[in-house]
Amino acid sequence: MVKMQLFLKMYSKPILESLNTLELQQTHMDSISSLKKRSQRGMIDFIQNKDCHWLVCTFRVYPTNRALFSQSESRKHIFQTIKWTVGYMKNEFNDGENLVFLPFWGGEVNTEVATHVHALLEKPSQLTEDFERRTKDKMNAFAQRAFKSSAKTALFIEEISNSDFEIQAFGNYCMRWEGKQFGSGTDKLITELAYLQK
């Protein structure tokens, strides 16, 4: 909750309004036309209007020996780990029903902030006490399987209130400018991993 309060404070409305407001390039999600040509504001409106409660997540996945993998190989294995992890949450805690999932790149090579993924995930219907621990354990096992070698993972999960303020704050936090590597706004949306339809 402390992390949530910190970025809510950091990204309060006056600061949010000063963030990069460029219209963003078309996203390539053939089955999801509702996100095409959306601005950062439009994306937040979309999130606020979704009829669900949200979890905010941060995924970190990387091989222990990074020299063994090219950047594209690593990305492929990271994507697979995250897909399997979200699939596990769907099957184990949501009766197999799909969960809305909106992932965004985070990090910046030039400032030595390691690449990671921020995400909004629809809250599963059965959020048990051991949900986070079990999901972390599974994610770690999935990473070893994806890389077929030793890998490290970290997963942060927190429930967010459904207030427009908190949703807007987290949306802007995900889509803020961190550097040239990923840009800002919906340029940071990972379309290969996003899942919006029930």
N, C-alpha and C. Protein backbone atom coordinates (compact mmCIF):
# COMPACT_ATOMS: atom_id res chain seq x y z
N MET A 1 0.81 -1.19 0.00
CA MET A 1 0.00 0.00 0.00
C MET A 1 0.86 1.26 0.00
N VAL A 2 2.06 1.16 0.64
CA VAL A 2 2.95 2.32 0.70
C VAL A 2 3.38 2.74 -0.69
N LYS A 3 3.77 1.76 -1.56
CA LYS A 3 4.18 2.09 -2.93
C LYS A 3 3.05 2.78 -3.67
N MET A 4 1.82 2.27 -3.50
CA MET A 4 0.67 2.86 -4.17
C MET A 4 0.50 4.31 -3.74
N GLN A 5 0.59 4.58 -2.44
CA GLN A 5 0.41 5.95 -1.94
C GLN A 5 1.50 6.87 -2.47
N LEU A 6 2.72 6.35 -2.60
CA LEU A 6 3.82 7.17 -3.12
C LEU A 6 3.57 7.61 -4.55
N PHE A 7 3.19 6.66 -5.45
CA PHE A 7 3.00 7.12 -6.82
C PHE A 7 1.71 7.89 -7.00
N LEU A 8 0.70 7.66 -6.12
CA LEU A 8 -0.49 8.51 -6.18
C LEU A 8 -0.12 9.94 -5.85
N LYS A 9 0.75 10.09 -4.86
CA LYS A 9 1.19 11.43 -4.48
C LYS A 9 2.03 12.05 -5.59
N MET A 10 2.93 11.24 -6.17
CA MET A 10 3.82 11.74 -7.22
C MET A 10 3.07 12.14 -8.48
N TYR A 11 1.97 11.40 -8.78
CA TYR A 11 1.28 11.62 -10.04
C TYR A 11 -0.10 12.23 -9.83
N SER A 12 -0.18 13.14 -8.86
CA SER A 12 -1.44 13.84 -8.63
C SER A 12 -1.78 14.70 -9.85
N LYS A 13 -3.01 15.18 -9.92
CA LYS A 13 -3.55 15.78 -11.14
C LYS A 13 -2.66 16.85 -11.77
N PRO A 14 -2.12 17.83 -11.02
CA PRO A 14 -1.29 18.84 -11.70
C PRO A 14 -0.09 18.24 -12.42
N ILE A 15 0.50 17.18 -11.82
CA ILE A 15 1.65 16.54 -12.46
C ILE A 15 1.19 15.71 -13.65
N LEU A 16 0.06 15.02 -13.48
CA LEU A 16 -0.47 14.22 -14.57
C LEU A 16 -0.69 15.07 -15.81
N GLU A 17 -1.21 16.28 -15.61
CA GLU A 17 -1.53 17.14 -16.75
C GLU A 17 -0.27 17.61 -17.47
N SER A 18 0.86 17.59 -16.76
CA SER A 18 2.10 18.05 -17.38
C SER A 18 2.84 16.92 -18.10
N LEU A 19 2.33 15.68 -17.98
CA LEU A 19 2.98 14.56 -18.65
C LEU A 19 2.82 14.67 -20.16
N ASN A 20 3.65 13.93 -20.87
CA ASN A 20 3.59 13.90 -22.33
C ASN A 20 2.17 13.60 -22.81
N THR A 21 1.58 14.46 -23.65
CA THR A 21 0.19 14.27 -24.09
C THR A 21 0.09 14.04 -25.59
N LEU A 22 1.18 13.63 -26.22
CA LEU A 22 1.16 13.37 -27.66
C LEU A 22 0.15 12.28 -28.00
N GLU A 23 -0.53 12.43 -29.15
CA GLU A 23 -1.34 11.33 -29.64
C GLU A 23 -0.38 10.19 -30.00
N LEU A 24 -0.79 8.98 -29.69
CA LEU A 24 0.14 7.87 -29.82
C LEU A 24 -0.17 7.03 -31.04
N GLN A 25 0.87 6.36 -31.53
CA GLN A 25 0.73 5.58 -32.76
C GLN A 25 -0.26 4.44 -32.59
N GLN A 26 -0.78 4.00 -33.70
CA GLN A 26 -1.75 2.90 -33.70
C GLN A 26 -1.11 1.65 -33.12
N THR A 27 -1.84 0.98 -32.22
CA THR A 27 -1.35 -0.30 -31.69
C THR A 27 -1.80 -1.41 -32.63
N HIS A 28 -1.06 -2.49 -32.64
CA HIS A 28 -1.33 -3.58 -33.58
C HIS A 28 -1.96 -4.75 -32.84
N MET A 29 -3.24 -4.64 -32.58
CA MET A 29 -3.98 -5.70 -31.91
C MET A 29 -5.21 -5.97 -32.76
N ASP A 30 -5.09 -6.90 -33.71
CA ASP A 30 -6.13 -7.13 -34.70
C ASP A 30 -7.51 -7.37 -34.09
N SER A 31 -7.55 -8.10 -32.98
CA SER A 31 -8.85 -8.46 -32.42
C SER A 31 -9.41 -7.40 -31.48
N ILE A 32 -8.66 -6.33 -31.24
CA ILE A 32 -9.08 -5.34 -30.26
C ILE A 32 -9.06 -3.95 -30.87
N SER A 33 -10.03 -3.67 -31.71
CA SER A 33 -10.05 -2.39 -32.42
C SER A 33 -10.30 -1.22 -31.48
N SER A 34 -10.86 -1.46 -30.30
CA SER A 34 -11.19 -0.36 -29.39
C SER A 34 -9.96 0.38 -28.87
N LEU A 35 -8.79 -0.24 -28.96
CA LEU A 35 -7.59 0.44 -28.48
C LEU A 35 -6.80 1.12 -29.58
N LYS A 36 -7.22 0.96 -30.83
CA LYS A 36 -6.46 1.54 -31.92
C LYS A 36 -6.56 3.07 -31.90
N LYS A 37 -5.42 3.69 -32.15
CA LYS A 37 -5.32 5.15 -32.23
C LYS A 37 -5.78 5.86 -30.96
N ARG A 38 -5.58 5.25 -29.80
CA ARG A 38 -5.95 5.90 -28.55
C ARG A 38 -4.83 6.76 -28.03
N SER A 39 -5.21 7.87 -27.44
CA SER A 39 -4.25 8.71 -26.72
C SER A 39 -4.08 8.12 -25.32
N GLN A 40 -3.14 8.65 -24.56
CA GLN A 40 -2.97 8.22 -23.18
C GLN A 40 -4.26 8.46 -22.41
N ARG A 41 -4.88 9.61 -22.60
CA ARG A 41 -6.15 9.92 -21.92
C ARG A 41 -7.24 8.91 -22.32
N GLY A 42 -7.29 8.58 -23.61
CA GLY A 42 -8.28 7.62 -24.09
C GLY A 42 -8.08 6.24 -23.49
N MET A 43 -6.82 5.87 -23.29
CA MET A 43 -6.53 4.57 -22.69
C MET A 43 -7.00 4.54 -21.25
N ILE A 44 -6.77 5.62 -20.52
CA ILE A 44 -7.21 5.68 -19.12
C ILE A 44 -8.73 5.66 -19.04
N ASP A 45 -9.39 6.37 -19.96
CA ASP A 45 -10.86 6.31 -20.00
C ASP A 45 -11.34 4.87 -20.21
N PHE A 46 -10.66 4.16 -21.10
CA PHE A 46 -11.00 2.77 -21.37
C PHE A 46 -10.88 1.93 -20.09
N ILE A 47 -9.78 2.12 -19.35
CA ILE A 47 -9.54 1.37 -18.11
C ILE A 47 -10.61 1.71 -17.07
N GLN A 48 -10.89 3.01 -16.91
CA GLN A 48 -11.88 3.44 -15.91
C GLN A 48 -13.27 2.89 -16.22
N ASN A 49 -13.58 2.73 -17.49
CA ASN A 49 -14.92 2.28 -17.88
C ASN A 49 -15.09 0.77 -17.92
N LYS A 50 -14.00 0.02 -17.70
CA LYS A 50 -14.10 -1.44 -17.65
C LYS A 50 -14.84 -1.85 -16.37
N ASP A 51 -15.77 -2.75 -16.51
CA ASP A 51 -16.60 -3.17 -15.38
C ASP A 51 -15.90 -4.28 -14.60
N CYS A 52 -14.83 -3.92 -13.89
CA CYS A 52 -14.13 -4.89 -13.06
C CYS A 52 -13.29 -4.17 -12.02
N HIS A 53 -12.82 -4.92 -11.03
CA HIS A 53 -11.86 -4.40 -10.06
C HIS A 53 -10.48 -4.82 -10.53
N TRP A 54 -9.45 -4.05 -10.13
CA TRP A 54 -8.11 -4.24 -10.68
C TRP A 54 -7.09 -4.62 -9.61
N LEU A 55 -6.12 -5.42 -10.05
CA LEU A 55 -4.87 -5.60 -9.32
C LEU A 55 -3.80 -4.88 -10.12
N VAL A 56 -2.85 -4.26 -9.42
CA VAL A 56 -1.69 -3.70 -10.11
C VAL A 56 -0.53 -4.65 -9.86
N CYS A 57 0.24 -4.91 -10.91
CA CYS A 57 1.31 -5.91 -10.85
C CYS A 57 2.60 -5.35 -11.44
N THR A 58 3.70 -5.84 -10.95
CA THR A 58 5.00 -5.60 -11.58
C THR A 58 5.68 -6.96 -11.72
N PHE A 59 6.07 -7.29 -12.96
CA PHE A 59 6.74 -8.55 -13.27
C PHE A 59 8.20 -8.27 -13.62
N ARG A 60 9.11 -8.99 -13.01
CA ARG A 60 10.52 -8.96 -13.39
C ARG A 60 10.96 -10.39 -13.67
N VAL A 61 11.50 -10.60 -14.86
CA VAL A 61 11.94 -11.94 -15.26
C VAL A 61 13.24 -11.78 -16.04
N TYR A 62 14.27 -12.54 -15.67
CA TYR A 62 15.50 -12.52 -16.46
C TYR A 62 16.34 -13.77 -16.17
N PRO A 63 17.12 -14.20 -17.16
CA PRO A 63 17.96 -15.38 -16.95
C PRO A 63 19.10 -15.04 -15.99
N THR A 64 19.52 -16.01 -15.21
CA THR A 64 20.65 -15.77 -14.30
C THR A 64 21.90 -15.43 -15.10
N ASN A 65 22.15 -16.15 -16.18
CA ASN A 65 23.29 -15.87 -17.06
C ASN A 65 22.77 -15.19 -18.33
N ARG A 66 22.77 -13.88 -18.34
CA ARG A 66 22.18 -13.13 -19.46
C ARG A 66 22.98 -13.28 -20.75
N ALA A 67 24.25 -13.65 -20.63
CA ALA A 67 25.10 -13.80 -21.82
C ALA A 67 24.65 -14.97 -22.70
N LEU A 68 23.87 -15.88 -22.15
CA LEU A 68 23.42 -17.06 -22.91
C LEU A 68 22.31 -16.74 -23.91
N PHE A 69 21.68 -15.56 -23.76
CA PHE A 69 20.49 -15.26 -24.55
C PHE A 69 20.60 -13.90 -25.24
N SER A 70 20.17 -13.86 -26.48
CA SER A 70 20.07 -12.58 -27.18
C SER A 70 18.89 -11.81 -26.58
N GLN A 71 18.81 -10.52 -26.90
CA GLN A 71 17.71 -9.71 -26.39
C GLN A 71 16.35 -10.24 -26.88
N SER A 72 16.29 -10.65 -28.15
CA SER A 72 15.01 -11.15 -28.68
C SER A 72 14.64 -12.50 -28.05
N GLU A 73 15.64 -13.37 -27.79
CA GLU A 73 15.37 -14.64 -27.12
C GLU A 73 14.85 -14.40 -25.71
N SER A 74 15.51 -13.49 -25.00
CA SER A 74 15.08 -13.17 -23.64
C SER A 74 13.66 -12.65 -23.63
N ARG A 75 13.34 -11.73 -24.54
CA ARG A 75 12.00 -11.17 -24.59
C ARG A 75 10.95 -12.26 -24.84
N LYS A 76 11.27 -13.19 -25.75
CA LYS A 76 10.36 -14.30 -26.04
C LYS A 76 10.09 -15.11 -24.77
N HIS A 77 11.13 -15.40 -24.00
CA HIS A 77 10.98 -16.21 -22.79
C HIS A 77 10.29 -15.42 -21.66
N ILE A 78 10.54 -14.14 -21.61
CA ILE A 78 9.85 -13.29 -20.63
C ILE A 78 8.36 -13.28 -20.94
N PHE A 79 8.01 -13.08 -22.22
CA PHE A 79 6.61 -13.08 -22.62
C PHE A 79 5.95 -14.41 -22.26
N GLN A 80 6.65 -15.51 -22.55
CA GLN A 80 6.08 -16.83 -22.26
C GLN A 80 5.85 -17.00 -20.76
N THR A 81 6.80 -16.56 -19.95
CA THR A 81 6.66 -16.66 -18.49
C THR A 81 5.44 -15.88 -18.01
N ILE A 82 5.28 -14.66 -18.52
CA ILE A 82 4.14 -13.84 -18.09
C ILE A 82 2.83 -14.44 -18.58
N LYS A 83 2.78 -14.94 -19.82
CA LYS A 83 1.56 -15.58 -20.32
C LYS A 83 1.18 -16.77 -19.45
N TRP A 84 2.14 -17.62 -19.15
CA TRP A 84 1.86 -18.78 -18.32
C TRP A 84 1.38 -18.36 -16.93
N THR A 85 2.00 -17.31 -16.38
CA THR A 85 1.64 -16.85 -15.04
C THR A 85 0.21 -16.31 -15.00
N VAL A 86 -0.16 -15.50 -15.98
CA VAL A 86 -1.53 -14.97 -16.03
C VAL A 86 -2.52 -16.12 -16.29
N GLY A 87 -2.12 -17.08 -17.12
CA GLY A 87 -2.96 -18.26 -17.35
C GLY A 87 -3.18 -19.06 -16.08
N TYR A 88 -2.11 -19.18 -15.29
CA TYR A 88 -2.22 -19.88 -14.00
C TYR A 88 -3.22 -19.16 -13.09
N MET A 89 -3.13 -17.83 -13.01
CA MET A 89 -4.05 -17.07 -12.15
C MET A 89 -5.49 -17.26 -12.62
N LYS A 90 -5.68 -17.25 -13.94
CA LYS A 90 -7.02 -17.45 -14.52
C LYS A 90 -7.58 -18.82 -14.12
N ASN A 91 -6.78 -19.86 -14.30
CA ASN A 91 -7.25 -21.22 -14.06
C ASN A 91 -7.39 -21.55 -12.58
N GLU A 92 -6.46 -21.06 -11.78
CA GLU A 92 -6.43 -21.43 -10.37
C GLU A 92 -7.36 -20.57 -9.51
N PHE A 93 -7.53 -19.32 -9.88
CA PHE A 93 -8.25 -18.38 -9.01
C PHE A 93 -9.47 -17.71 -9.66
N ASN A 94 -9.77 -18.06 -10.91
CA ASN A 94 -10.91 -17.43 -11.59
C ASN A 94 -11.75 -18.45 -12.35
N ASP A 95 -11.77 -19.68 -11.87
CA ASP A 95 -12.58 -20.74 -12.49
C ASP A 95 -12.33 -20.91 -13.98
N GLY A 96 -11.12 -20.62 -14.42
CA GLY A 96 -10.78 -20.78 -15.84
C GLY A 96 -11.30 -19.67 -16.74
N GLU A 97 -12.00 -18.68 -16.16
CA GLU A 97 -12.52 -17.56 -16.95
C GLU A 97 -11.39 -16.57 -17.23
N ASN A 98 -11.34 -16.04 -18.45
CA ASN A 98 -10.28 -15.11 -18.82
C ASN A 98 -10.31 -13.85 -17.97
N LEU A 99 -9.12 -13.28 -17.77
CA LEU A 99 -8.96 -12.04 -17.01
C LEU A 99 -8.45 -10.94 -17.93
N VAL A 100 -9.03 -9.77 -17.82
CA VAL A 100 -8.53 -8.62 -18.58
C VAL A 100 -7.12 -8.33 -18.10
N PHE A 101 -6.19 -8.12 -19.04
CA PHE A 101 -4.78 -7.93 -18.69
C PHE A 101 -4.17 -6.86 -19.59
N LEU A 102 -3.66 -5.80 -18.98
CA LEU A 102 -3.06 -4.68 -19.72
C LEU A 102 -1.63 -4.46 -19.24
N PRO A 103 -0.64 -4.99 -19.96
CA PRO A 103 0.77 -4.86 -19.54
C PRO A 103 1.48 -3.71 -20.28
N PHE A 104 2.39 -3.04 -19.57
CA PHE A 104 3.17 -1.93 -20.12
C PHE A 104 4.64 -2.12 -19.77
N TRP A 105 5.51 -1.78 -20.72
CA TRP A 105 6.95 -1.82 -20.45
C TRP A 105 7.33 -0.79 -19.40
N GLY A 106 8.34 -1.13 -18.60
CA GLY A 106 8.95 -0.20 -17.66
C GLY A 106 10.45 -0.35 -17.73
N GLY A 107 11.17 0.68 -17.26
CA GLY A 107 12.63 0.63 -17.24
C GLY A 107 13.25 1.46 -18.35
N GLU A 108 14.56 1.62 -18.26
CA GLU A 108 15.29 2.40 -19.25
C GLU A 108 16.77 2.07 -19.15
N VAL A 109 17.33 1.57 -20.24
CA VAL A 109 18.74 1.16 -20.28
C VAL A 109 19.66 2.33 -19.92
N ASN A 110 19.39 3.50 -20.48
CA ASN A 110 20.29 4.65 -20.29
C ASN A 110 20.38 5.13 -18.85
N THR A 111 19.35 4.88 -18.05
CA THR A 111 19.41 5.27 -16.64
C THR A 111 19.62 4.06 -15.74
N GLU A 112 19.95 2.91 -16.36
CA GLU A 112 20.26 1.67 -15.66
C GLU A 112 19.10 1.17 -14.79
N VAL A 113 17.87 1.42 -15.26
CA VAL A 113 16.69 0.85 -14.61
C VAL A 113 16.32 -0.39 -15.41
N ALA A 114 16.41 -1.56 -14.78
CA ALA A 114 16.21 -2.83 -15.49
C ALA A 114 14.81 -2.91 -16.09
N THR A 115 14.73 -3.53 -17.26
CA THR A 115 13.45 -3.71 -17.93
C THR A 115 12.52 -4.57 -17.06
N HIS A 116 11.26 -4.15 -16.99
CA HIS A 116 10.24 -4.88 -16.24
C HIS A 116 8.89 -4.59 -16.88
N VAL A 117 7.85 -5.18 -16.35
CA VAL A 117 6.51 -5.01 -16.91
C VAL A 117 5.55 -4.59 -15.79
N HIS A 118 4.90 -3.43 -15.97
CA HIS A 118 3.80 -3.02 -15.09
C HIS A 118 2.50 -3.47 -15.74
N ALA A 119 1.52 -3.84 -14.95
CA ALA A 119 0.27 -4.30 -15.55
C ALA A 119 -0.93 -4.03 -14.66
N LEU A 120 -2.05 -3.85 -15.32
CA LEU A 120 -3.36 -3.89 -14.66
C LEU A 120 -3.97 -5.25 -14.99
N LEU A 121 -4.39 -5.96 -13.97
CA LEU A 121 -4.98 -7.28 -14.13
C LEU A 121 -6.33 -7.29 -13.43
N GLU A 122 -7.34 -7.77 -14.13
CA GLU A 122 -8.65 -7.91 -13.51
C GLU A 122 -8.53 -8.80 -12.28
N LYS A 123 -9.14 -8.37 -11.19
CA LYS A 123 -9.08 -9.14 -9.95
C LYS A 123 -9.79 -10.48 -10.11
N PRO A 124 -9.10 -11.60 -9.83
CA PRO A 124 -9.75 -12.91 -9.93
C PRO A 124 -10.88 -13.04 -8.90
N SER A 125 -11.81 -13.92 -9.18
CA SER A 125 -12.99 -14.07 -8.32
C SER A 125 -12.66 -14.70 -6.97
N GLN A 126 -11.57 -15.49 -6.88
CA GLN A 126 -11.20 -16.14 -5.62
C GLN A 126 -9.80 -15.72 -5.21
N LEU A 127 -9.70 -14.56 -4.59
CA LEU A 127 -8.40 -14.03 -4.18
C LEU A 127 -8.08 -14.56 -2.79
N THR A 128 -7.48 -15.74 -2.73
CA THR A 128 -7.20 -16.41 -1.46
C THR A 128 -6.01 -15.77 -0.76
N GLU A 129 -5.83 -16.10 0.52
CA GLU A 129 -4.72 -15.55 1.30
C GLU A 129 -3.37 -15.91 0.72
N ASP A 130 -3.27 -17.09 0.14
CA ASP A 130 -1.98 -17.55 -0.40
C ASP A 130 -1.84 -17.28 -1.90
N PHE A 131 -2.73 -16.47 -2.46
CA PHE A 131 -2.73 -16.15 -3.89
C PHE A 131 -1.36 -15.63 -4.35
N GLU A 132 -0.84 -14.63 -3.66
CA GLU A 132 0.42 -14.03 -4.11
C GLU A 132 1.59 -15.01 -3.99
N ARG A 133 1.68 -15.72 -2.87
CA ARG A 133 2.79 -16.66 -2.68
C ARG A 133 2.76 -17.76 -3.74
N ARG A 134 1.58 -18.34 -3.95
CA ARG A 134 1.46 -19.42 -4.93
C ARG A 134 1.78 -18.93 -6.34
N THR A 135 1.32 -17.73 -6.65
CA THR A 135 1.58 -17.18 -7.99
C THR A 135 3.06 -16.90 -8.18
N LYS A 136 3.72 -16.36 -7.17
CA LYS A 136 5.17 -16.12 -7.25
C LYS A 136 5.93 -17.42 -7.47
N ASP A 137 5.56 -18.46 -6.71
CA ASP A 137 6.22 -19.76 -6.86
C ASP A 137 6.05 -20.31 -8.27
N LYS A 138 4.82 -20.21 -8.79
CA LYS A 138 4.55 -20.71 -10.14
C LYS A 138 5.32 -19.90 -11.18
N MET A 139 5.33 -18.58 -11.02
CA MET A 139 6.04 -17.73 -11.98
C MET A 139 7.52 -18.10 -12.02
N ASN A 140 8.10 -18.36 -10.87
CA ASN A 140 9.51 -18.74 -10.82
C ASN A 140 9.74 -20.06 -11.56
N ALA A 141 8.85 -21.02 -11.34
CA ALA A 141 8.96 -22.31 -12.03
C ALA A 141 8.77 -22.13 -13.54
N PHE A 142 7.83 -21.28 -13.94
CA PHE A 142 7.58 -21.02 -15.36
C PHE A 142 8.81 -20.39 -16.02
N ALA A 143 9.49 -19.50 -15.31
CA ALA A 143 10.68 -18.84 -15.88
C ALA A 143 11.78 -19.86 -16.15
N GLN A 144 12.01 -20.78 -15.21
CA GLN A 144 13.03 -21.81 -15.41
C GLN A 144 12.68 -22.65 -16.65
N ARG A 145 11.38 -22.95 -16.78
CA ARG A 145 10.91 -23.75 -17.92
C ARG A 145 11.06 -22.98 -19.23
N ALA A 146 10.72 -21.71 -19.22
CA ALA A 146 10.80 -20.90 -20.45
C ALA A 146 12.24 -20.75 -20.93
N PHE A 147 13.14 -20.44 -20.00
CA PHE A 147 14.55 -20.23 -20.36
C PHE A 147 15.32 -21.54 -20.49
N LYS A 148 14.75 -22.63 -19.96
CA LYS A 148 15.44 -23.92 -19.93
C LYS A 148 16.80 -23.80 -19.24
N SER A 149 16.86 -22.89 -18.29
CA SER A 149 18.06 -22.68 -17.48
C SER A 149 17.65 -21.85 -16.27
N SER A 150 18.62 -21.57 -15.42
CA SER A 150 18.33 -20.81 -14.21
C SER A 150 17.85 -19.39 -14.55
N ALA A 151 16.79 -18.96 -13.88
CA ALA A 151 16.24 -17.63 -14.11
C ALA A 151 15.80 -17.03 -12.78
N LYS A 152 15.69 -15.71 -12.75
CA LYS A 152 15.26 -15.01 -11.55
C LYS A 152 13.97 -14.26 -11.85
N THR A 153 13.10 -14.22 -10.84
CA THR A 153 11.83 -13.53 -11.02
C THR A 153 11.51 -12.72 -9.77
N ALA A 154 10.68 -11.71 -9.96
CA ALA A 154 10.10 -10.97 -8.83
C ALA A 154 8.71 -10.55 -9.29
N LEU A 155 7.76 -10.63 -8.38
CA LEU A 155 6.38 -10.28 -8.70
C LEU A 155 5.80 -9.48 -7.55
N PHE A 156 5.29 -8.30 -7.88
CA PHE A 156 4.61 -7.45 -6.91
C PHE A 156 3.15 -7.38 -7.33
N ILE A 157 2.23 -7.65 -6.40
CA ILE A 157 0.80 -7.59 -6.70
C ILE A 157 0.11 -6.82 -5.58
N GLU A 158 -0.75 -5.88 -5.95
CA GLU A 158 -1.51 -5.14 -4.95
C GLU A 158 -2.88 -4.79 -5.52
N GLU A 159 -3.90 -4.91 -4.68
CA GLU A 159 -5.24 -4.52 -5.12
C GLU A 159 -5.32 -3.00 -5.11
N ILE A 160 -5.97 -2.46 -6.13
CA ILE A 160 -6.13 -1.01 -6.24
C ILE A 160 -7.61 -0.70 -6.02
N SER A 161 -7.88 0.43 -5.40
CA SER A 161 -9.29 0.80 -5.26
C SER A 161 -9.81 1.17 -6.65
N ASN A 162 -11.10 1.10 -6.83
CA ASN A 162 -11.66 1.39 -8.15
C ASN A 162 -11.98 2.87 -8.33
N SER A 163 -11.38 3.71 -7.50
CA SER A 163 -11.63 5.14 -7.66
C SER A 163 -10.98 5.62 -8.96
N ASP A 164 -11.64 6.55 -9.62
CA ASP A 164 -11.08 7.11 -10.86
C ASP A 164 -9.70 7.69 -10.62
N PHE A 165 -9.49 8.28 -9.44
CA PHE A 165 -8.20 8.91 -9.14
C PHE A 165 -7.07 7.88 -9.13
N GLU A 166 -7.28 6.75 -8.43
CA GLU A 166 -6.22 5.74 -8.35
C GLU A 166 -5.98 5.07 -9.69
N ILE A 167 -7.05 4.80 -10.43
CA ILE A 167 -6.90 4.17 -11.74
C ILE A 167 -6.16 5.11 -12.68
N GLN A 168 -6.51 6.38 -12.67
CA GLN A 168 -5.82 7.36 -13.52
C GLN A 168 -4.37 7.49 -13.12
N ALA A 169 -4.12 7.53 -11.81
CA ALA A 169 -2.74 7.67 -11.33
C ALA A 169 -1.89 6.49 -11.77
N PHE A 170 -2.41 5.27 -11.62
CA PHE A 170 -1.62 4.11 -12.02
C PHE A 170 -1.47 4.05 -13.53
N GLY A 171 -2.51 4.38 -14.26
CA GLY A 171 -2.42 4.42 -15.72
C GLY A 171 -1.35 5.37 -16.19
N ASN A 172 -1.31 6.55 -15.60
CA ASN A 172 -0.29 7.52 -15.97
C ASN A 172 1.10 7.09 -15.52
N TYR A 173 1.17 6.42 -14.38
CA TYR A 173 2.44 5.88 -13.90
C TYR A 173 2.99 4.87 -14.90
N CYS A 174 2.13 3.96 -15.38
CA CYS A 174 2.56 2.96 -16.37
C CYS A 174 3.00 3.61 -17.67
N MET A 175 2.29 4.65 -18.09
CA MET A 175 2.51 5.23 -19.41
C MET A 175 3.40 6.46 -19.40
N ARG A 176 4.02 6.76 -18.25
CA ARG A 176 4.87 7.95 -18.17
C ARG A 176 6.12 7.77 -19.04
N TRP A 177 6.76 8.87 -19.37
CA TRP A 177 8.03 8.85 -20.10
C TRP A 177 9.13 8.45 -19.14
N GLU A 178 9.84 7.38 -19.46
CA GLU A 178 11.00 6.96 -18.67
C GLU A 178 12.29 7.11 -19.46
N GLY A 179 12.17 7.24 -20.77
CA GLY A 179 13.34 7.35 -21.63
C GLY A 179 12.99 6.88 -23.03
N LYS A 180 13.99 6.90 -23.91
CA LYS A 180 13.77 6.60 -25.33
C LYS A 180 13.49 5.12 -25.60
N GLN A 181 13.89 4.25 -24.69
CA GLN A 181 13.77 2.81 -24.94
C GLN A 181 12.32 2.40 -25.25
N PHE A 182 11.38 2.86 -24.45
CA PHE A 182 9.98 2.47 -24.64
C PHE A 182 9.05 3.64 -24.94
N GLY A 183 9.53 4.87 -24.82
CA GLY A 183 8.69 6.01 -25.12
C GLY A 183 7.70 6.28 -24.00
N SER A 184 6.46 6.62 -24.37
CA SER A 184 5.46 6.94 -23.37
C SER A 184 4.07 6.60 -23.89
N GLY A 185 3.09 6.73 -23.02
CA GLY A 185 1.70 6.50 -23.40
C GLY A 185 1.47 5.08 -23.87
N THR A 186 0.59 4.91 -24.85
CA THR A 186 0.26 3.56 -25.31
C THR A 186 1.36 2.94 -26.16
N ASP A 187 2.42 3.69 -26.46
CA ASP A 187 3.61 3.07 -27.06
C ASP A 187 4.18 2.01 -26.12
N LYS A 188 3.95 2.17 -24.82
CA LYS A 188 4.49 1.24 -23.84
C LYS A 188 3.59 0.01 -23.63
N LEU A 189 2.40 0.02 -24.19
CA LEU A 189 1.50 -1.13 -24.07
C LEU A 189 2.09 -2.33 -24.81
N ILE A 190 2.16 -3.47 -24.16
CA ILE A 190 2.71 -4.68 -24.79
C ILE A 190 1.56 -5.41 -25.45
N THR A 191 1.35 -5.11 -26.72
CA THR A 191 0.18 -5.63 -27.41
C THR A 191 0.22 -7.16 -27.54
N GLU A 192 1.43 -7.74 -27.57
CA GLU A 192 1.55 -9.20 -27.69
C GLU A 192 1.00 -9.93 -26.48
N LEU A 193 0.93 -9.24 -25.33
CA LEU A 193 0.49 -9.87 -24.09
C LEU A 193 -0.89 -9.41 -23.63
N ALA A 194 -1.35 -8.28 -24.16
CA ALA A 194 -2.62 -7.71 -23.69
C ALA A 194 -3.78 -8.64 -23.97
N TYR A 195 -4.69 -8.72 -23.02
CA TYR A 195 -5.90 -9.50 -23.24
C TYR A 195 -7.08 -8.72 -22.68
N LEU A 196 -8.01 -8.34 -23.55
CA LEU A 196 -9.08 -7.44 -23.16
C LEU A 196 -10.47 -8.05 -23.21
N GLN A 197 -10.64 -9.11 -23.96
CA GLN A 197 -12.00 -9.66 -24.13
C GLN A 197 -12.25 -10.78 -23.12
N LYS A 198 -13.46 -10.82 -22.61
CA LYS A 198 -13.86 -11.90 -21.70
C LYS A 198 -14.20 -13.12 -22.53
